[in-house]
Amino acid sequence: MEKSVISPVAPDASDKQQAKFMDTTDYIENLRVTYPLREPVLREIIHYLNFIPASRGLDVGCGIGQPTLLLAEHLAPHTHITGIDISEECLEQARESVCRQGLSGSVELRRGSMDSLPFEADVFDWAWSVDCAGYSDDSRRCAIRELIRVVRPGGCIALIAWSSQQFLAGHPRLEARLNATGAGLAPFSHGQDPKRHFLRTAGRLYESGIGGVKIRTFSGDVSGPASADMRDALTALFKMRWGAARSEMTDSDGRLFRRLCDPDSPEFLPDRDDYYGFFTYTVFTGIVDDYSNHSKQTRGHRPGSPQMNEYC
């Protein structure tokens, strides 16, 4: 499946490692449950990117359509957005949501792989991907190549992923140890070239001839006692983020983790009046064939192509 549930647990989407973590049913449910936590941040990112109306956009790894619909709501009625995902089960859910919200005229959903996008060259004005293309180094390399091909000169590419969190308030040593496990580092792993880390995406963009690269981080948060929706979201996140780390925990860390992160525990952290947690999404944007910088020399100028990008 070519989409992560939430990037903290995202395996390498391009080589299907996600199958080790959950089946499609669990994946879809986790997307649904965690959406109330992520939605405000995604809306803020959409406002920041400022994709203009009357454009054609592409959402790579659209999953069940949540980011796609946010884009459509923001840019409707004159923008046409195409969402693509490898999972037909996810696309079925997305189509139902599109119809339910009356956005069928603005959104098209197609099955396909980000490694070989089923589109001609230069057909989109912009493209983005949330928690999918670009999150792991392998997917980032393939996705950037394909996005450059399908986005017109002067168009914008945006790669967006969950980049950090502080959820275990008052227990920084436990959270640091959990984040240092294999599950906590995924899709990065100990011993990998530091250039392969998601936060080094700018290097991949520069190497690909993308210009005007910008980086910005957005945050979301939650306070206790958590509402029912946020409680469910955090329960899912604790399991997705660190559930697979149990084999690397000490016995004492495992017991403390269960006390703090099990929703049936009387010590469940989000139930506390003084609970606070936050997370971040990092956004990398760039311009295809932006001839105001080094890409003009590395890729060659296309006569008549735009000198400025109006989308991001």
C-alpha atoms as a PDB file:
ATOM      1  CA  MET A   1       0.000   0.000   0.000  1.00  0.00           C
ATOM      2  CA  GLU A   2       1.387   3.327  -0.967  1.00  0.00           C
ATOM      3  CA  LYS A   3       0.408   5.338   2.014  1.00  0.00           C
ATOM      4  CA  SER A   4       1.395   5.512   5.639  1.00  0.00           C
ATOM      5  CA  VAL A   5      -1.176   5.689   8.359  1.00  0.00           C
ATOM      6  CA  ILE A   6       0.755   8.305  10.243  1.00  0.00           C
ATOM      7  CA  SER A   7       4.355   8.796   9.421  1.00  0.00           C
ATOM      8  CA  PRO A   8       5.685   7.878  12.888  1.00  0.00           C
ATOM      9  CA  VAL A   9       5.062   4.263  11.982  1.00  0.00           C
ATOM     10  CA  ALA A  10       5.321   4.553   8.253  1.00  0.00           C
ATOM     11  CA  PRO A  11       7.367   1.769   6.780  1.00  0.00           C
ATOM     12  CA  ASP A  12       8.869   2.177   3.360  1.00  0.00           C
ATOM     13  CA  ALA A  13       5.736   2.463   1.232  1.00  0.00           C
ATOM     14  CA  SER A  14       7.591   1.613  -1.947  1.00  0.00           C
ATOM     15  CA  ASP A  15       8.627  -1.856  -0.796  1.00  0.00           C
ATOM     16  CA  LYS A  16       5.375  -2.759   0.972  1.00  0.00           C
ATOM     17  CA  GLN A  17       6.857  -3.096   4.455  1.00  0.00           C
ATOM     18  CA  GLN A  18       3.643  -1.710   5.877  1.00  0.00           C
ATOM     19  CA  ALA A  19       2.127  -5.175   5.569  1.00  0.00           C
ATOM     20  CA  LYS A  20       4.217  -6.118   8.603  1.00  0.00           C
ATOM     21  CA  PHE A  21       2.374  -3.610  10.737  1.00  0.00           C
ATOM     22  CA  MET A  22      -1.298  -3.805   9.874  1.00  0.00           C
ATOM     23  CA  ASP A  23      -3.797  -5.024   7.324  1.00  0.00           C
ATOM     24  CA  THR A  24      -5.843  -2.673   5.179  1.00  0.00           C
ATOM     25  CA  THR A  25      -8.825  -2.707   7.522  1.00  0.00           C
ATOM     26  CA  ASP A  26      -6.661  -1.603  10.460  1.00  0.00           C
ATOM     27  CA  TYR A  27      -4.942   0.946   8.271  1.00  0.00           C
ATOM     28  CA  ILE A  28      -8.218   2.555   7.213  1.00  0.00           C
ATOM     29  CA  GLU A  29      -9.522   2.574  10.776  1.00  0.00           C
ATOM     30  CA  ASN A  30      -6.363   4.238  12.066  1.00  0.00           C
ATOM     31  CA  LEU A  31      -6.602   6.919   9.397  1.00  0.00           C
ATOM     32  CA  ARG A  32     -10.166   7.592  10.468  1.00  0.00           C
ATOM     33  CA  VAL A  33      -9.492   7.589  14.203  1.00  0.00           C
ATOM     34  CA  THR A  34      -6.431   9.848  14.084  1.00  0.00           C
ATOM     35  CA  TYR A  35      -7.903  12.364  11.656  1.00  0.00           C
ATOM     36  CA  PRO A  36      -9.335  14.754  14.311  1.00  0.00           C
ATOM     37  CA  LEU A  37      -5.803  15.232  15.605  1.00  0.00           C
ATOM     38  CA  ARG A  38      -4.228  15.826  12.191  1.00  0.00           C
ATOM     39  CA  GLU A  39      -6.964  17.792  10.417  1.00  0.00           C
ATOM     40  CA  PRO A  40      -6.285  21.268  11.917  1.00  0.00           C
ATOM     41  CA  VAL A  41      -2.597  21.038  11.017  1.00  0.00           C
ATOM     42  CA  LEU A  42      -3.338  19.895   7.469  1.00  0.00           C
ATOM     43  CA  ARG A  43      -5.721  22.829   7.026  1.00  0.00           C
ATOM     44  CA  GLU A  44      -3.010  25.207   8.198  1.00  0.00           C
ATOM     45  CA  ILE A  45      -0.565  23.698   5.716  1.00  0.00           C
ATOM     46  CA  ILE A  46      -3.067  24.107   2.871  1.00  0.00           C
ATOM     47  CA  HIS A  47      -3.431  27.804   3.695  1.00  0.00           C
ATOM     48  CA  TYR A  48       0.346  28.158   3.776  1.00  0.00           C
ATOM     49  CA  LEU A  49       0.849  26.485   0.405  1.00  0.00           C
ATOM     50  CA  ASN A  50      -1.721  28.799  -1.167  1.00  0.00           C
ATOM     51  CA  PHE A  51      -2.443  26.714  -4.247  1.00  0.00           C
ATOM     52  CA  ILE A  52      -4.546  29.023  -6.388  1.00  0.00           C
ATOM     53  CA  PRO A  53      -8.002  28.112  -7.728  1.00  0.00           C
ATOM     54  CA  ALA A  54      -8.531  27.176 -11.373  1.00  0.00           C
ATOM     55  CA  SER A  55      -5.574  24.774 -11.294  1.00  0.00           C
ATOM     56  CA  ARG A  56      -4.976  21.048 -11.673  1.00  0.00           C
ATOM     57  CA  GLY A  57      -3.492  19.298  -8.643  1.00  0.00           C
ATOM     58  CA  LEU A  58      -2.299  15.817  -7.743  1.00  0.00           C
ATOM     59  CA  ASP A  59      -2.466  14.106  -4.322  1.00  0.00           C
ATOM     60  CA  VAL A  60      -0.027  11.180  -4.267  1.00  0.00           C
ATOM     61  CA  GLY A  61      -0.939   8.467  -1.768  1.00  0.00           C
ATOM     62  CA  CYS A  62      -4.389   9.887  -1.108  1.00  0.00           C
ATOM     63  CA  GLY A  63      -5.453   6.988   1.139  1.00  0.00           C
ATOM     64  CA  ILE A  64      -9.135   7.311   2.069  1.00  0.00           C
ATOM     65  CA  GLY A  65      -9.213  10.829   0.665  1.00  0.00           C
ATOM     66  CA  GLN A  66      -8.933  12.993   3.778  1.00  0.00           C
ATOM     67  CA  PRO A  67      -6.238  15.429   2.536  1.00  0.00           C
ATOM     68  CA  THR A  68      -7.736  15.347  -0.969  1.00  0.00           C
ATOM     69  CA  LEU A  69     -11.104  16.499   0.346  1.00  0.00           C
ATOM     70  CA  LEU A  70      -9.513  19.248   2.439  1.00  0.00           C
ATOM     71  CA  LEU A  71      -7.829  20.537  -0.707  1.00  0.00           C
ATOM     72  CA  ALA A  72     -11.052  20.331  -2.697  1.00  0.00           C
ATOM     73  CA  GLU A  73     -13.014  22.188  -0.023  1.00  0.00           C
ATOM     74  CA  HIS A  74     -10.398  24.932   0.062  1.00  0.00           C
ATOM     75  CA  LEU A  75     -10.006  25.312  -3.706  1.00  0.00           C
ATOM     76  CA  ALA A  76     -13.467  24.420  -5.062  1.00  0.00           C
ATOM     77  CA  PRO A  77     -15.235  24.832  -7.366  1.00  0.00           C
ATOM     78  CA  HIS A  78     -12.785  25.576 -10.176  1.00  0.00           C
ATOM     79  CA  THR A  79      -9.787  23.431  -9.218  1.00  0.00           C
ATOM     80  CA  HIS A  80      -9.601  19.806 -10.328  1.00  0.00           C
ATOM     81  CA  ILE A  81      -7.744  17.429  -7.982  1.00  0.00           C
ATOM     82  CA  THR A  82      -6.658  13.899  -8.814  1.00  0.00           C
ATOM     83  CA  GLY A  83      -5.964  11.526  -5.942  1.00  0.00           C
ATOM     84  CA  ILE A  84      -3.927   8.391  -6.553  1.00  0.00           C
ATOM     85  CA  ASP A  85      -3.322   5.401  -4.292  1.00  0.00           C
ATOM     86  CA  ILE A  86      -2.208   1.801  -4.722  1.00  0.00           C
ATOM     87  CA  SER A  87      -4.967   0.431  -2.478  1.00  0.00           C
ATOM     88  CA  GLU A  88      -8.357  -0.140  -4.086  1.00  0.00           C
ATOM     89  CA  GLU A  89      -9.912  -0.598  -0.638  1.00  0.00           C
ATOM     90  CA  CYS A  90      -8.769   2.888   0.363  1.00  0.00           C
ATOM     91  CA  LEU A  91     -10.002   4.357  -2.910  1.00  0.00           C
ATOM     92  CA  GLU A  92     -13.452   2.849  -2.340  1.00  0.00           C
ATOM     93  CA  GLN A  93     -13.635   4.681   0.988  1.00  0.00           C
ATOM     94  CA  ALA A  94     -12.394   7.870  -0.655  1.00  0.00           C
ATOM     95  CA  ARG A  95     -14.999   7.691  -3.428  1.00  0.00           C
ATOM     96  CA  GLU A  96     -17.779   7.337  -0.867  1.00  0.00           C
ATOM     97  CA  SER A  97     -16.527  10.428   0.959  1.00  0.00           C
ATOM     98  CA  VAL A  98     -16.258  12.435  -2.254  1.00  0.00           C
ATOM     99  CA  CYS A  99     -19.830  11.589  -3.217  1.00  0.00           C
ATOM    100  CA  ARG A 100     -21.108  12.244   0.279  1.00  0.00           C
ATOM    101  CA  GLN A 101     -19.587  15.736   0.258  1.00  0.00           C
ATOM    102  CA  GLY A 102     -20.799  16.523  -3.247  1.00  0.00           C
ATOM    103  CA  LEU A 103     -17.313  17.012  -4.676  1.00  0.00           C
ATOM    104  CA  SER A 104     -17.406  14.519  -7.534  1.00  0.00           C
ATOM    105  CA  GLY A 105     -17.049  17.347 -10.037  1.00  0.00           C
ATOM    106  CA  SER A 106     -13.795  18.513  -8.447  1.00  0.00           C
ATOM    107  CA  VAL A 107     -12.111  15.245  -7.446  1.00  0.00           C
ATOM    108  CA  GLU A 108     -11.012  12.255  -9.507  1.00  0.00           C
ATOM    109  CA  LEU A 109      -9.614   9.151  -7.823  1.00  0.00           C
ATOM    110  CA  ARG A 110      -7.398   6.651  -9.606  1.00  0.00           C
ATOM    111  CA  ARG A 111      -5.432   3.573  -8.698  1.00  0.00           C
ATOM    112  CA  GLY A 112      -1.733   3.714  -9.429  1.00  0.00           C
ATOM    113  CA  SER A 113       1.793   3.710  -8.080  1.00  0.00           C
ATOM    114  CA  MET A 114       3.914   6.728  -7.253  1.00  0.00           C
ATOM    115  CA  ASP A 115       6.858   4.847  -8.749  1.00  0.00           C
ATOM    116  CA  SER A 116       5.229   5.127 -12.173  1.00  0.00           C
ATOM    117  CA  LEU A 117       2.456   7.704 -12.193  1.00  0.00           C
ATOM    118  CA  PRO A 118      -0.183   6.968 -14.874  1.00  0.00           C
ATOM    119  CA  PHE A 119      -0.110  10.454 -16.386  1.00  0.00           C
ATOM    120  CA  GLU A 120       1.476  12.236 -19.303  1.00  0.00           C
ATOM    121  CA  ALA A 121       4.213  14.807 -18.706  1.00  0.00           C
ATOM    122  CA  ASP A 122       3.471  18.372 -17.559  1.00  0.00           C
ATOM    123  CA  VAL A 123      -0.249  17.837 -16.864  1.00  0.00           C
ATOM    124  CA  PHE A 124      -0.496  19.184 -13.287  1.00  0.00           C
ATOM    125  CA  ASP A 125       0.024  22.676 -11.907  1.00  0.00           C
ATOM    126  CA  TRP A 126       1.044  21.331  -8.510  1.00  0.00           C
ATOM    127  CA  ALA A 127       1.381  18.082  -6.588  1.00  0.00           C
ATOM    128  CA  TRP A 128       1.563  17.180  -2.938  1.00  0.00           C
ATOM    129  CA  SER A 129       1.876  14.087  -0.806  1.00  0.00           C
ATOM    130  CA  VAL A 130       1.091  13.742   2.903  1.00  0.00           C
ATOM    131  CA  ASP A 131       2.748  10.944   4.899  1.00  0.00           C
ATOM    132  CA  CYS A 132       3.603   8.968   1.795  1.00  0.00           C
ATOM    133  CA  ALA A 133       5.840   9.978  -1.110  1.00  0.00           C
ATOM    134  CA  GLY A 134       9.117  11.219   0.239  1.00  0.00           C
ATOM    135  CA  TYR A 135       8.815   9.907   3.772  1.00  0.00           C
ATOM    136  CA  SER A 136      11.371   7.165   3.246  1.00  0.00           C
ATOM    137  CA  ASP A 137      14.474   7.717   1.154  1.00  0.00           C
ATOM    138  CA  ASP A 138      13.555   5.101  -1.467  1.00  0.00           C
ATOM    139  CA  SER A 139      10.066   6.507  -1.960  1.00  0.00           C
ATOM    140  CA  ARG A 140      11.469  10.043  -1.960  1.00  0.00           C
ATOM    141  CA  ARG A 141      13.858   9.325  -4.813  1.00  0.00           C
ATOM    142  CA  CYS A 142      11.211   7.650  -6.993  1.00  0.00           C
ATOM    143  CA  ALA A 143       8.494  10.143  -6.154  1.00  0.00           C
ATOM    144  CA  ILE A 144      10.543  13.244  -6.874  1.00  0.00           C
ATOM    145  CA  ARG A 145      11.521  11.877 -10.272  1.00  0.00           C
ATOM    146  CA  GLU A 146       7.914  11.148 -11.193  1.00  0.00           C
ATOM    147  CA  LEU A 147       6.542  14.395  -9.760  1.00  0.00           C
ATOM    148  CA  ILE A 148       9.039  16.402 -11.803  1.00  0.00           C
ATOM    149  CA  ARG A 149       7.787  14.591 -14.879  1.00  0.00           C
ATOM    150  CA  VAL A 150       4.053  15.180 -14.361  1.00  0.00           C
ATOM    151  CA  VAL A 151       4.141  18.733 -12.932  1.00  0.00           C
ATOM    152  CA  ARG A 152       4.470  21.507 -15.488  1.00  0.00           C
ATOM    153  CA  PRO A 153       7.460  23.873 -15.524  1.00  0.00           C
ATOM    154  CA  GLY A 154       6.895  26.507 -12.870  1.00  0.00           C
ATOM    155  CA  GLY A 155       4.615  24.217 -10.893  1.00  0.00           C
ATOM    156  CA  CYS A 156       5.013  23.382  -7.213  1.00  0.00           C
ATOM    157  CA  ILE A 157       5.849  20.112  -5.469  1.00  0.00           C
ATOM    158  CA  ALA A 158       5.142  19.698  -1.742  1.00  0.00           C
ATOM    159  CA  LEU A 159       6.294  16.719   0.345  1.00  0.00           C
ATOM    160  CA  ILE A 160       4.736  16.643   3.808  1.00  0.00           C
ATOM    161  CA  ALA A 161       5.205  14.237   6.697  1.00  0.00           C
ATOM    162  CA  TRP A 162       4.903  13.876  10.446  1.00  0.00           C
ATOM    163  CA  SER A 163       8.336  14.791  11.806  1.00  0.00           C
ATOM    164  CA  SER A 164       8.278  14.713  15.639  1.00  0.00           C
ATOM    165  CA  GLN A 165       6.158  14.446  18.750  1.00  0.00           C
ATOM    166  CA  GLN A 166       6.209  14.937  22.508  1.00  0.00           C
ATOM    167  CA  PHE A 167       3.343  12.861  23.893  1.00  0.00           C
ATOM    168  CA  LEU A 168       4.589  11.404  27.176  1.00  0.00           C
ATOM    169  CA  ALA A 169       4.508  14.536  29.304  1.00  0.00           C
ATOM    170  CA  GLY A 170       6.591  14.182  32.452  1.00  0.00           C
ATOM    171  CA  HIS A 171       8.386  11.070  31.173  1.00  0.00           C
ATOM    172  CA  PRO A 172      11.060  12.379  28.776  1.00  0.00           C
ATOM    173  CA  ARG A 173      13.525   9.544  29.373  1.00  0.00           C
ATOM    174  CA  LEU A 174      10.947   6.893  28.521  1.00  0.00           C
ATOM    175  CA  GLU A 175       9.875   8.762  25.390  1.00  0.00           C
ATOM    176  CA  ALA A 176      13.497   9.258  24.318  1.00  0.00           C
ATOM    177  CA  ARG A 177      14.208   5.543  24.723  1.00  0.00           C
ATOM    178  CA  LEU A 178      11.072   4.619  22.777  1.00  0.00           C
ATOM    179  CA  ASN A 179      12.027   7.008  19.981  1.00  0.00           C
ATOM    180  CA  ALA A 180      15.452   5.357  19.767  1.00  0.00           C
ATOM    181  CA  THR A 181      13.998   1.898  19.057  1.00  0.00           C
ATOM    182  CA  GLY A 182      13.636   0.504  15.566  1.00  0.00           C
ATOM    183  CA  ALA A 183       9.929   1.332  15.579  1.00  0.00           C
ATOM    184  CA  GLY A 184      10.630   4.822  16.850  1.00  0.00           C
ATOM    185  CA  LEU A 185      13.175   5.529  14.116  1.00  0.00           C
ATOM    186  CA  ALA A 186      11.190   4.007  11.224  1.00  0.00           C
ATOM    187  CA  PRO A 187      11.418   4.372   8.309  1.00  0.00           C
ATOM    188  CA  PHE A 188      14.937   5.580   9.105  1.00  0.00           C
ATOM    189  CA  SER A 189      17.154   3.003  10.787  1.00  0.00           C
ATOM    190  CA  HIS A 190      20.290   3.041  12.866  1.00  0.00           C
ATOM    191  CA  GLY A 191      23.416   3.041  10.728  1.00  0.00           C
ATOM    192  CA  GLN A 192      21.805   4.537   7.633  1.00  0.00           C
ATOM    193  CA  ASP A 193      23.425   7.436   5.834  1.00  0.00           C
ATOM    194  CA  PRO A 194      22.134  10.597   7.577  1.00  0.00           C
ATOM    195  CA  LYS A 195      21.312  11.997   4.137  1.00  0.00           C
ATOM    196  CA  ARG A 196      18.534   9.423   3.890  1.00  0.00           C
ATOM    197  CA  HIS A 197      16.561  10.948   6.783  1.00  0.00           C
ATOM    198  CA  PHE A 198      13.287  12.687   5.895  1.00  0.00           C
ATOM    199  CA  LEU A 199      14.473  15.995   7.328  1.00  0.00           C
ATOM    200  CA  ARG A 200      17.275  15.954   4.736  1.00  0.00           C
ATOM    201  CA  THR A 201      14.723  15.986   1.888  1.00  0.00           C
ATOM    202  CA  ALA A 202      15.998  19.363   0.702  1.00  0.00           C
ATOM    203  CA  GLY A 203      19.140  17.633  -0.508  1.00  0.00           C
ATOM    204  CA  ARG A 204      17.148  15.250  -2.682  1.00  0.00           C
ATOM    205  CA  LEU A 205      15.204  18.166  -4.137  1.00  0.00           C
ATOM    206  CA  TYR A 206      18.368  20.099  -4.941  1.00  0.00           C
ATOM    207  CA  GLU A 207      19.966  17.035  -6.522  1.00  0.00           C
ATOM    208  CA  SER A 208      16.891  16.602  -8.728  1.00  0.00           C
ATOM    209  CA  GLY A 209      17.127  20.156 -10.046  1.00  0.00           C
ATOM    210  CA  ILE A 210      14.181  21.465  -8.058  1.00  0.00           C
ATOM    211  CA  GLY A 211      14.503  25.161  -7.303  1.00  0.00           C
ATOM    212  CA  GLY A 212      13.112  27.589  -4.769  1.00  0.00           C
ATOM    213  CA  VAL A 213      13.228  24.972  -2.010  1.00  0.00           C
ATOM    214  CA  LYS A 214      11.528  26.053   1.202  1.00  0.00           C
ATOM    215  CA  ILE A 215      11.091  24.214   4.501  1.00  0.00           C
ATOM    216  CA  ARG A 216       8.583  24.917   7.218  1.00  0.00           C
ATOM    217  CA  THR A 217       7.293  23.022  10.239  1.00  0.00           C
ATOM    218  CA  PHE A 218       3.758  23.169  11.640  1.00  0.00           C
ATOM    219  CA  SER A 219       2.581  21.946  15.021  1.00  0.00           C
ATOM    220  CA  GLY A 220      -0.576  20.516  16.496  1.00  0.00           C
ATOM    221  CA  ASP A 221      -1.362  19.812  20.111  1.00  0.00           C
ATOM    222  CA  VAL A 222      -3.775  18.258  22.573  1.00  0.00           C
ATOM    223  CA  SER A 223      -4.573  19.078  26.194  1.00  0.00           C
ATOM    224  CA  GLY A 224      -6.034  16.954  28.945  1.00  0.00           C
ATOM    225  CA  PRO A 225      -8.373  15.665  29.885  1.00  0.00           C
ATOM    226  CA  ALA A 226      -8.655  14.580  26.272  1.00  0.00           C
ATOM    227  CA  SER A 227     -12.049  14.468  24.578  1.00  0.00           C
ATOM    228  CA  ALA A 228     -13.371  11.095  23.452  1.00  0.00           C
ATOM    229  CA  ASP A 229     -12.163  11.694  19.875  1.00  0.00           C
ATOM    230  CA  MET A 230      -8.710  12.803  20.984  1.00  0.00           C
ATOM    231  CA  ARG A 231      -8.500   9.956  23.464  1.00  0.00           C
ATOM    232  CA  ASP A 232      -9.125   7.462  20.662  1.00  0.00           C
ATOM    233  CA  ALA A 233      -6.634   9.249  18.404  1.00  0.00           C
ATOM    234  CA  LEU A 234      -3.889   9.184  21.011  1.00  0.00           C
ATOM    235  CA  THR A 235      -4.575   5.550  21.869  1.00  0.00           C
ATOM    236  CA  ALA A 236      -4.095   4.652  18.206  1.00  0.00           C
ATOM    237  CA  LEU A 237      -0.983   6.789  17.939  1.00  0.00           C
ATOM    238  CA  PHE A 238       0.654   5.271  21.003  1.00  0.00           C
ATOM    239  CA  LYS A 239       0.105   1.821  19.535  1.00  0.00           C
ATOM    240  CA  MET A 240       1.226   2.777  16.036  1.00  0.00           C
ATOM    241  CA  ARG A 241       4.216   4.786  17.165  1.00  0.00           C
ATOM    242  CA  TRP A 242       5.646   2.495  19.808  1.00  0.00           C
ATOM    243  CA  GLY A 243       3.614  -0.721  19.918  1.00  0.00           C
ATOM    244  CA  ALA A 244       6.199  -2.573  17.838  1.00  0.00           C
ATOM    245  CA  ALA A 245       8.967  -1.369  20.167  1.00  0.00           C
ATOM    246  CA  ARG A 246       7.950  -3.657  23.030  1.00  0.00           C
ATOM    247  CA  SER A 247      10.565  -6.262  22.179  1.00  0.00           C
ATOM    248  CA  GLU A 248      13.256  -3.588  22.644  1.00  0.00           C
ATOM    249  CA  MET A 249      11.907  -2.241  25.945  1.00  0.00           C
ATOM    250  CA  THR A 250      13.233  -3.217  29.330  1.00  0.00           C
ATOM    251  CA  ASP A 251      10.717  -4.823  31.643  1.00  0.00           C
ATOM    252  CA  SER A 252      10.421  -1.647  33.700  1.00  0.00           C
ATOM    253  CA  ASP A 253       9.951   0.528  30.597  1.00  0.00           C
ATOM    254  CA  GLY A 254       7.338  -1.884  29.298  1.00  0.00           C
ATOM    255  CA  ARG A 255       5.379  -1.707  32.517  1.00  0.00           C
ATOM    256  CA  LEU A 256       5.566   2.089  32.598  1.00  0.00           C
ATOM    257  CA  PHE A 257       4.555   2.311  28.933  1.00  0.00           C
ATOM    258  CA  ARG A 258       1.454   0.205  29.578  1.00  0.00           C
ATOM    259  CA  ARG A 259       0.499   2.253  32.645  1.00  0.00           C
ATOM    260  CA  LEU A 260       0.766   5.533  30.741  1.00  0.00           C
ATOM    261  CA  CYS A 261      -0.482   4.529  27.278  1.00  0.00           C
ATOM    262  CA  ASP A 262      -3.127   1.842  27.855  1.00  0.00           C
ATOM    263  CA  PRO A 263      -6.570   3.510  27.717  1.00  0.00           C
ATOM    264  CA  ASP A 264      -7.861   1.043  30.319  1.00  0.00           C
ATOM    265  CA  SER A 265      -5.177   2.042  32.793  1.00  0.00           C
ATOM    266  CA  PRO A 266      -6.137   4.417  35.631  1.00  0.00           C
ATOM    267  CA  GLU A 267      -2.875   6.253  34.851  1.00  0.00           C
ATOM    268  CA  PHE A 268      -3.623   6.817  31.146  1.00  0.00           C
ATOM    269  CA  LEU A 269      -1.803  10.093  30.502  1.00  0.00           C
ATOM    270  CA  PRO A 270      -4.375  11.890  28.289  1.00  0.00           C
ATOM    271  CA  ASP A 271      -6.973  11.546  31.057  1.00  0.00           C
ATOM    272  CA  ARG A 272      -4.980  13.840  33.334  1.00  0.00           C
ATOM    273  CA  ASP A 273      -6.142  17.430  33.775  1.00  0.00           C
ATOM    274  CA  ASP A 274      -2.569  18.641  33.331  1.00  0.00           C
ATOM    275  CA  TYR A 275      -1.758  16.543  30.248  1.00  0.00           C
ATOM    276  CA  TYR A 276      -0.256  18.258  27.218  1.00  0.00           C
ATOM    277  CA  GLY A 277       1.276  16.832  24.066  1.00  0.00           C
ATOM    278  CA  PHE A 278       2.260  18.122  20.662  1.00  0.00           C
ATOM    279  CA  PHE A 279       3.450  16.908  17.275  1.00  0.00           C
ATOM    280  CA  THR A 280       4.873  18.427  14.118  1.00  0.00           C
ATOM    281  CA  TYR A 281       4.505  18.131  10.378  1.00  0.00           C
ATOM    282  CA  THR A 282       7.355  19.334   8.174  1.00  0.00           C
ATOM    283  CA  VAL A 283       6.723  20.643   4.655  1.00  0.00           C
ATOM    284  CA  PHE A 284       9.292  20.692   1.863  1.00  0.00           C
ATOM    285  CA  THR A 285       8.300  22.672  -1.225  1.00  0.00           C
ATOM    286  CA  GLY A 286      10.079  23.376  -4.474  1.00  0.00           C
ATOM    287  CA  ILE A 287       9.492  24.595  -7.997  1.00  0.00           C
ATOM    288  CA  VAL A 288       9.898  22.477 -11.114  1.00  0.00           C
ATOM    289  CA  ASP A 289      12.408  24.147 -13.445  1.00  0.00           C
ATOM    290  CA  ASP A 290      12.727  27.348 -11.479  1.00  0.00           C
ATOM    291  CA  TYR A 291      15.328  29.206 -13.518  1.00  0.00           C
ATOM    292  CA  SER A 292      16.040  31.763 -10.804  1.00  0.00           C
ATOM    293  CA  ASN A 293      18.604  29.389  -9.255  1.00  0.00           C
ATOM    294  CA  HIS A 294      21.058  26.595  -9.935  1.00  0.00           C
ATOM    295  CA  SER A 295      18.501  24.324 -11.645  1.00  0.00           C
ATOM    296  CA  LYS A 296      18.789  26.545 -14.721  1.00  0.00           C
ATOM    297  CA  GLN A 297      22.378  25.417 -15.104  1.00  0.00           C
ATOM    298  CA  THR A 298      21.831  21.795 -14.102  1.00  0.00           C
ATOM    299  CA  ARG A 299      18.764  21.079 -16.190  1.00  0.00           C
ATOM    300  CA  GLY A 300      18.805  23.552 -19.046  1.00  0.00           C
ATOM    301  CA  HIS A 301      16.296  26.276 -19.829  1.00  0.00           C
ATOM    302  CA  ARG A 302      13.019  25.528 -21.564  1.00  0.00           C
ATOM    303  CA  PRO A 303      12.111  28.485 -23.763  1.00  0.00           C
ATOM    304  CA  GLY A 304       9.014  30.251 -22.556  1.00  0.00           C
ATOM    305  CA  SER A 305       8.848  28.540 -19.193  1.00  0.00           C
ATOM    306  CA  PRO A 306       7.793  30.613 -16.171  1.00  0.00           C
ATOM    307  CA  GLN A 307      10.421  32.433 -14.151  1.00  0.00           C
ATOM    308  CA  MET A 308       8.284  32.580 -10.997  1.00  0.00           C
ATOM    309  CA  ASN A 309       5.940  30.121  -9.367  1.00  0.00           C
ATOM    310  CA  GLU A 310       2.529  31.369  -8.333  1.00  0.00           C
ATOM    311  CA  TYR A 311       1.436  28.325  -6.321  1.00  0.00           C
ATOM    312  CA  CYS A 312       3.791  28.126  -3.364  1.00  0.00           C
END
